[in-house]
Amino acid sequence: MEDKNYTGTVPGQHHGESVTAEGSRDFDDITTAKAFFFQAEGRLLNVNQWHDEAGEALARFILADSAGNPVDGMAQQGLLIKIDIPGPGSKSGEGYDWVKIEEIKRVNSTEAQSTALRVRPIAAPGSGEDKPTHFYDENSTSTFTITREDTLVTAAIYDRNINPNTESDSLIDKVRNAITGLFGEKVFSKIQWQALVDGLLK
């Protein structure tokens, strides 16, 4: 299936690996499809509920401010997401991986309605690290999209340019990121993201 990149937020694939998770639902009429699109968009932006939407998925996602404090409400550009994945967490992130919401964009045209949220790994707030506190490096991105084309509503997640983050200052984190990054490419992203896609479309 072709990428649903109406908003232009999905980066080109230039290096490393890519992972795509997609799902769609077709409705009997446009009115119903539009109503469902807005429901799914609300689920997408409600990051704190992603774990519930994904069911027995592998991680928990916590929306946070720039200081790392948990916040309620919908995702906004500039906020952070604290990720709690199974297994040993990062030392510099005190057990968590961190990403920043660097763009949220909406398109409403005659061709389609689409909302996209893109995140990128960053250093944990207050860690003093230069490199991301995440098992992927700073060139890696994940873009979450909800798109309506006529009566078809599609949820998709695009991991692009993903490489394990082996540049951490901590040797423990280097080893952990190398192992977890490989696991993330092969297992975590595919299972986690497909579960989330299915939850957004339920």
C-alpha atoms as a PDB file:
ATOM      1  CA  MET A   1       0.000   0.000   0.000  1.00  0.00           C
ATOM      2  CA  GLU A   2       1.304   3.452  -0.866  1.00  0.00           C
ATOM      3  CA  ASP A   3       2.274   5.723   2.033  1.00  0.00           C
ATOM      4  CA  LYS A   4      -0.545   8.016   3.172  1.00  0.00           C
ATOM      5  CA  ASN A   5       1.669  11.084   3.190  1.00  0.00           C
ATOM      6  CA  TYR A   6      -0.826  13.812   2.306  1.00  0.00           C
ATOM      7  CA  THR A   7       0.594  16.047   5.040  1.00  0.00           C
ATOM      8  CA  GLY A   8       4.187  15.639   3.865  1.00  0.00           C
ATOM      9  CA  THR A   9       5.348  14.670   7.358  1.00  0.00           C
ATOM     10  CA  VAL A  10       6.680  11.206   6.492  1.00  0.00           C
ATOM     11  CA  PRO A  11      10.397  11.630   5.699  1.00  0.00           C
ATOM     12  CA  GLY A  12      12.036   9.990   2.738  1.00  0.00           C
ATOM     13  CA  GLN A  13      13.894   6.763   3.431  1.00  0.00           C
ATOM     14  CA  HIS A  14      17.614   7.517   3.019  1.00  0.00           C
ATOM     15  CA  HIS A  15      19.458   5.125   5.337  1.00  0.00           C
ATOM     16  CA  GLY A  16      18.942   2.439   7.909  1.00  0.00           C
ATOM     17  CA  GLU A  17      15.747   0.423   8.102  1.00  0.00           C
ATOM     18  CA  SER A  18      12.066   1.201   7.677  1.00  0.00           C
ATOM     19  CA  VAL A  19       8.970  -0.321   9.252  1.00  0.00           C
ATOM     20  CA  THR A  20       5.375   0.284   8.176  1.00  0.00           C
ATOM     21  CA  ALA A  21       2.186  -0.731   9.966  1.00  0.00           C
ATOM     22  CA  GLU A  22      -1.170  -0.062   8.309  1.00  0.00           C
ATOM     23  CA  GLY A  23      -4.834  -0.880   8.589  1.00  0.00           C
ATOM     24  CA  SER A  24      -8.045   0.476   7.090  1.00  0.00           C
ATOM     25  CA  ARG A  25     -11.823   0.409   7.326  1.00  0.00           C
ATOM     26  CA  ASP A  26     -14.267   1.097   4.527  1.00  0.00           C
ATOM     27  CA  PHE A  27     -17.684   2.611   5.286  1.00  0.00           C
ATOM     28  CA  ASP A  28     -20.980   2.695   3.423  1.00  0.00           C
ATOM     29  CA  ASP A  29     -21.081   6.470   3.047  1.00  0.00           C
ATOM     30  CA  ILE A  30     -18.881   9.542   3.390  1.00  0.00           C
ATOM     31  CA  THR A  31     -20.795  10.935   6.373  1.00  0.00           C
ATOM     32  CA  THR A  32     -20.068   7.834   8.437  1.00  0.00           C
ATOM     33  CA  ALA A  33     -16.471   7.763   7.238  1.00  0.00           C
ATOM     34  CA  LYS A  34     -15.943  11.395   8.252  1.00  0.00           C
ATOM     35  CA  ALA A  35     -17.402  10.787  11.705  1.00  0.00           C
ATOM     36  CA  PHE A  36     -15.120   7.791  12.210  1.00  0.00           C
ATOM     37  CA  PHE A  37     -12.102   9.739  10.952  1.00  0.00           C
ATOM     38  CA  PHE A  38     -12.555  12.313  13.716  1.00  0.00           C
ATOM     39  CA  GLN A  39     -12.979   9.558  16.325  1.00  0.00           C
ATOM     40  CA  ALA A  40      -9.779   7.885  15.159  1.00  0.00           C
ATOM     41  CA  GLU A  41      -7.960  11.233  15.088  1.00  0.00           C
ATOM     42  CA  GLY A  42      -8.943  11.771  18.722  1.00  0.00           C
ATOM     43  CA  ARG A  43      -7.522   8.384  19.649  1.00  0.00           C
ATOM     44  CA  LEU A  44      -4.311   9.181  17.787  1.00  0.00           C
ATOM     45  CA  LEU A  45      -3.762  12.445  19.655  1.00  0.00           C
ATOM     46  CA  ASN A  46      -4.624  10.954  23.052  1.00  0.00           C
ATOM     47  CA  VAL A  47      -1.147   9.522  23.646  1.00  0.00           C
ATOM     48  CA  ASN A  48      -1.791   8.611  27.273  1.00  0.00           C
ATOM     49  CA  GLN A  49      -4.423   6.118  26.105  1.00  0.00           C
ATOM     50  CA  TRP A  50      -2.311   4.398  23.440  1.00  0.00           C
ATOM     51  CA  HIS A  51      -1.624   1.444  25.719  1.00  0.00           C
ATOM     52  CA  ASP A  52      -5.359   0.895  26.221  1.00  0.00           C
ATOM     53  CA  GLU A  53      -6.040   1.225  22.488  1.00  0.00           C
ATOM     54  CA  ALA A  54      -3.316  -1.283  21.619  1.00  0.00           C
ATOM     55  CA  GLY A  55      -4.526  -3.869  24.129  1.00  0.00           C
ATOM     56  CA  GLU A  56      -1.833  -6.272  25.280  1.00  0.00           C
ATOM     57  CA  ALA A  57       0.907  -4.324  23.530  1.00  0.00           C
ATOM     58  CA  LEU A  58       4.510  -4.039  24.549  1.00  0.00           C
ATOM     59  CA  ALA A  59       4.930  -0.491  25.864  1.00  0.00           C
ATOM     60  CA  ARG A  60       3.332   2.377  27.742  1.00  0.00           C
ATOM     61  CA  PHE A  61       3.416   5.939  26.429  1.00  0.00           C
ATOM     62  CA  ILE A  62       3.216   8.981  28.709  1.00  0.00           C
ATOM     63  CA  LEU A  63       2.772  12.516  27.406  1.00  0.00           C
ATOM     64  CA  ALA A  64       5.152  14.944  29.141  1.00  0.00           C
ATOM     65  CA  ASP A  65       6.218  18.580  29.126  1.00  0.00           C
ATOM     66  CA  SER A  66       9.735  19.815  28.318  1.00  0.00           C
ATOM     67  CA  ALA A  67      10.857  19.097  31.899  1.00  0.00           C
ATOM     68  CA  GLY A  68       9.579  15.520  31.701  1.00  0.00           C
ATOM     69  CA  ASN A  69       6.534  16.041  33.893  1.00  0.00           C
ATOM     70  CA  PRO A  70       3.444  14.015  32.871  1.00  0.00           C
ATOM     71  CA  VAL A  71       0.648  16.061  31.311  1.00  0.00           C
ATOM     72  CA  ASP A  72      -2.988  15.342  30.515  1.00  0.00           C
ATOM     73  CA  GLY A  73      -4.814  16.228  27.337  1.00  0.00           C
ATOM     74  CA  MET A  74      -4.063  15.820  23.675  1.00  0.00           C
ATOM     75  CA  ALA A  75      -0.699  15.716  21.946  1.00  0.00           C
ATOM     76  CA  GLN A  76       0.785  19.050  20.922  1.00  0.00           C
ATOM     77  CA  GLN A  77       3.838  19.963  18.923  1.00  0.00           C
ATOM     78  CA  GLY A  78       6.821  20.392  21.255  1.00  0.00           C
ATOM     79  CA  LEU A  79       5.612  18.019  23.955  1.00  0.00           C
ATOM     80  CA  LEU A  80       7.563  14.877  24.818  1.00  0.00           C
ATOM     81  CA  ILE A  81       6.573  11.228  25.060  1.00  0.00           C
ATOM     82  CA  LYS A  82       8.117   9.031  27.742  1.00  0.00           C
ATOM     83  CA  ILE A  83       8.152   5.376  26.683  1.00  0.00           C
ATOM     84  CA  ASP A  84       8.296   2.435  29.050  1.00  0.00           C
ATOM     85  CA  ILE A  85       9.240  -0.685  27.100  1.00  0.00           C
ATOM     86  CA  PRO A  86       9.694  -4.180  28.561  1.00  0.00           C
ATOM     87  CA  GLY A  87      13.132  -5.227  29.671  1.00  0.00           C
ATOM     88  CA  PRO A  88      16.027  -3.098  30.903  1.00  0.00           C
ATOM     89  CA  GLY A  89      15.517   0.615  30.382  1.00  0.00           C
ATOM     90  CA  SER A  90      18.137   3.203  29.558  1.00  0.00           C
ATOM     91  CA  LYS A  91      20.421   4.293  32.374  1.00  0.00           C
ATOM     92  CA  SER A  92      20.432   7.958  31.318  1.00  0.00           C
ATOM     93  CA  GLY A  93      16.636   7.974  31.021  1.00  0.00           C
ATOM     94  CA  GLU A  94      16.131   6.295  34.399  1.00  0.00           C
ATOM     95  CA  GLY A  95      14.470   3.354  32.697  1.00  0.00           C
ATOM     96  CA  TYR A  96      12.617   5.214  29.952  1.00  0.00           C
ATOM     97  CA  ASP A  97      13.104   6.079  26.299  1.00  0.00           C
ATOM     98  CA  TRP A  98      12.202   9.586  25.121  1.00  0.00           C
ATOM     99  CA  VAL A  99      10.920  11.191  21.922  1.00  0.00           C
ATOM    100  CA  LYS A 100       9.766  14.692  21.035  1.00  0.00           C
ATOM    101  CA  ILE A 101       6.658  15.534  19.026  1.00  0.00           C
ATOM    102  CA  GLU A 102       8.314  17.635  16.359  1.00  0.00           C
ATOM    103  CA  GLU A 103       5.335  18.092  14.068  1.00  0.00           C
ATOM    104  CA  ILE A 104       1.562  17.706  14.003  1.00  0.00           C
ATOM    105  CA  LYS A 105      -0.049  18.566  10.704  1.00  0.00           C
ATOM    106  CA  ARG A 106      -3.551  18.352   9.251  1.00  0.00           C
ATOM    107  CA  VAL A 107      -4.740  18.426   5.645  1.00  0.00           C
ATOM    108  CA  ASN A 108      -8.357  18.812   4.576  1.00  0.00           C
ATOM    109  CA  SER A 109      -8.653  18.830   0.801  1.00  0.00           C
ATOM    110  CA  THR A 110     -11.089  17.618  -1.808  1.00  0.00           C
ATOM    111  CA  GLU A 111      -8.881  14.545  -2.161  1.00  0.00           C
ATOM    112  CA  ALA A 112      -8.484  13.559   1.472  1.00  0.00           C
ATOM    113  CA  GLN A 113      -8.527  14.400   5.156  1.00  0.00           C
ATOM    114  CA  SER A 114      -5.357  13.473   7.025  1.00  0.00           C
ATOM    115  CA  THR A 115      -3.719  14.104  10.387  1.00  0.00           C
ATOM    116  CA  ALA A 116      -0.109  13.204  11.106  1.00  0.00           C
ATOM    117  CA  LEU A 117       2.079  13.252  14.211  1.00  0.00           C
ATOM    118  CA  ARG A 118       5.847  12.800  13.861  1.00  0.00           C
ATOM    119  CA  VAL A 119       8.259  12.063  16.715  1.00  0.00           C
ATOM    120  CA  ARG A 120      12.048  11.891  16.949  1.00  0.00           C
ATOM    121  CA  PRO A 121      14.315  10.424  19.685  1.00  0.00           C
ATOM    122  CA  ILE A 122      15.821  12.981  22.094  1.00  0.00           C
ATOM    123  CA  ALA A 123      17.899  13.038  25.261  1.00  0.00           C
ATOM    124  CA  ALA A 124      15.936  12.605  28.480  1.00  0.00           C
ATOM    125  CA  PRO A 125      15.098  15.932  30.163  1.00  0.00           C
ATOM    126  CA  GLY A 126      17.742  16.798  32.729  1.00  0.00           C
ATOM    127  CA  SER A 127      20.047  13.946  31.711  1.00  0.00           C
ATOM    128  CA  GLY A 128      22.803  16.192  30.382  1.00  0.00           C
ATOM    129  CA  GLU A 129      23.226  13.784  27.470  1.00  0.00           C
ATOM    130  CA  ASP A 130      23.919  14.944  23.920  1.00  0.00           C
ATOM    131  CA  LYS A 131      22.661  11.784  22.275  1.00  0.00           C
ATOM    132  CA  PRO A 132      19.063  10.531  22.422  1.00  0.00           C
ATOM    133  CA  THR A 133      17.837   8.507  25.360  1.00  0.00           C
ATOM    134  CA  HIS A 134      16.298   5.960  23.042  1.00  0.00           C
ATOM    135  CA  PHE A 135      17.274   2.715  21.367  1.00  0.00           C
ATOM    136  CA  TYR A 136      17.104   4.487  17.968  1.00  0.00           C
ATOM    137  CA  ASP A 137      19.383   7.361  16.933  1.00  0.00           C
ATOM    138  CA  GLU A 138      18.433  10.988  16.280  1.00  0.00           C
ATOM    139  CA  ASN A 139      17.913  10.446  12.540  1.00  0.00           C
ATOM    140  CA  SER A 140      15.126   7.954  13.173  1.00  0.00           C
ATOM    141  CA  THR A 141      11.499   9.065  13.080  1.00  0.00           C
ATOM    142  CA  SER A 142       8.066   7.585  13.657  1.00  0.00           C
ATOM    143  CA  THR A 143       5.085   9.197  11.921  1.00  0.00           C
ATOM    144  CA  PHE A 144       1.533   8.312  12.991  1.00  0.00           C
ATOM    145  CA  THR A 145      -1.271   9.090  10.539  1.00  0.00           C
ATOM    146  CA  ILE A 146      -5.045   8.905  10.214  1.00  0.00           C
ATOM    147  CA  THR A 147      -6.359   9.460   6.677  1.00  0.00           C
ATOM    148  CA  ARG A 148      -9.786   9.461   5.039  1.00  0.00           C
ATOM    149  CA  GLU A 149     -10.034   8.949   1.289  1.00  0.00           C
ATOM    150  CA  ASP A 150     -13.693   8.990   0.240  1.00  0.00           C
ATOM    151  CA  THR A 151     -15.231   6.241   2.445  1.00  0.00           C
ATOM    152  CA  LEU A 152     -11.908   4.594   3.351  1.00  0.00           C
ATOM    153  CA  VAL A 153     -10.228   5.455   6.668  1.00  0.00           C
ATOM    154  CA  THR A 154      -6.618   4.322   7.101  1.00  0.00           C
ATOM    155  CA  ALA A 155      -4.384   4.343  10.162  1.00  0.00           C
ATOM    156  CA  ALA A 156      -0.663   3.987   9.505  1.00  0.00           C
ATOM    157  CA  ILE A 157       2.644   4.278  11.336  1.00  0.00           C
ATOM    158  CA  TYR A 158       5.864   4.818   9.429  1.00  0.00           C
ATOM    159  CA  ASP A 159       9.270   4.266  11.047  1.00  0.00           C
ATOM    160  CA  ARG A 160      11.870   5.738   8.716  1.00  0.00           C
ATOM    161  CA  ASN A 161      15.688   5.905   8.683  1.00  0.00           C
ATOM    162  CA  ILE A 162      15.944   3.789  11.813  1.00  0.00           C
ATOM    163  CA  ASN A 163      19.303   2.760  13.246  1.00  0.00           C
ATOM    164  CA  PRO A 164      20.249   1.571  16.740  1.00  0.00           C
ATOM    165  CA  ASN A 165      21.606   4.352  18.938  1.00  0.00           C
ATOM    166  CA  THR A 166      25.125   3.200  19.770  1.00  0.00           C
ATOM    167  CA  GLU A 167      26.563   6.662  20.482  1.00  0.00           C
ATOM    168  CA  SER A 168      25.458   6.968  24.099  1.00  0.00           C
ATOM    169  CA  ASP A 169      28.005   8.167  26.659  1.00  0.00           C
ATOM    170  CA  SER A 170      27.168   5.140  28.798  1.00  0.00           C
ATOM    171  CA  LEU A 171      28.651   1.772  27.827  1.00  0.00           C
ATOM    172  CA  ILE A 172      25.673   0.052  29.446  1.00  0.00           C
ATOM    173  CA  ASP A 173      23.307   2.084  27.288  1.00  0.00           C
ATOM    174  CA  LYS A 174      25.384   1.409  24.164  1.00  0.00           C
ATOM    175  CA  VAL A 175      25.016  -2.328  24.631  1.00  0.00           C
ATOM    176  CA  ARG A 176      21.377  -2.052  25.648  1.00  0.00           C
ATOM    177  CA  ASN A 177      20.528   0.184  22.665  1.00  0.00           C
ATOM    178  CA  ALA A 178      22.302  -2.083  20.185  1.00  0.00           C
ATOM    179  CA  ILE A 179      20.327  -5.094  21.388  1.00  0.00           C
ATOM    180  CA  THR A 180      17.031  -3.272  21.860  1.00  0.00           C
ATOM    181  CA  GLY A 181      17.435  -1.401  18.578  1.00  0.00           C
ATOM    182  CA  LEU A 182      17.785  -4.643  16.664  1.00  0.00           C
ATOM    183  CA  PHE A 183      14.822  -6.077  18.579  1.00  0.00           C
ATOM    184  CA  GLY A 184      12.904  -2.873  17.851  1.00  0.00           C
ATOM    185  CA  GLU A 185      13.472  -3.117  14.115  1.00  0.00           C
ATOM    186  CA  LYS A 186      12.582  -6.785  13.885  1.00  0.00           C
ATOM    187  CA  VAL A 187       9.889  -7.206  16.512  1.00  0.00           C
ATOM    188  CA  PHE A 188       8.916  -4.233  18.668  1.00  0.00           C
ATOM    189  CA  SER A 189       7.912  -1.760  15.979  1.00  0.00           C
ATOM    190  CA  LYS A 190       6.050  -4.300  13.881  1.00  0.00           C
ATOM    191  CA  ILE A 191       4.058  -5.807  16.753  1.00  0.00           C
ATOM    192  CA  GLN A 192       3.598  -2.630  18.812  1.00  0.00           C
ATOM    193  CA  TRP A 193       2.661  -0.416  15.901  1.00  0.00           C
ATOM    194  CA  GLN A 194       0.297  -2.919  14.304  1.00  0.00           C
ATOM    195  CA  ALA A 195      -1.470  -3.330  17.627  1.00  0.00           C
ATOM    196  CA  LEU A 196      -1.817   0.453  17.913  1.00  0.00           C
ATOM    197  CA  VAL A 197      -3.044   0.777  14.320  1.00  0.00           C
ATOM    198  CA  ASP A 198      -5.693  -1.858  14.972  1.00  0.00           C
ATOM    199  CA  GLY A 199      -6.695  -0.071  18.182  1.00  0.00           C
ATOM    200  CA  LEU A 200      -7.077   3.284  16.439  1.00  0.00           C
ATOM    201  CA  LEU A 201      -9.457   1.673  13.950  1.00  0.00           C
ATOM    202  CA  LYS A 202     -11.575  -0.334  16.380  1.00  0.00           C
END
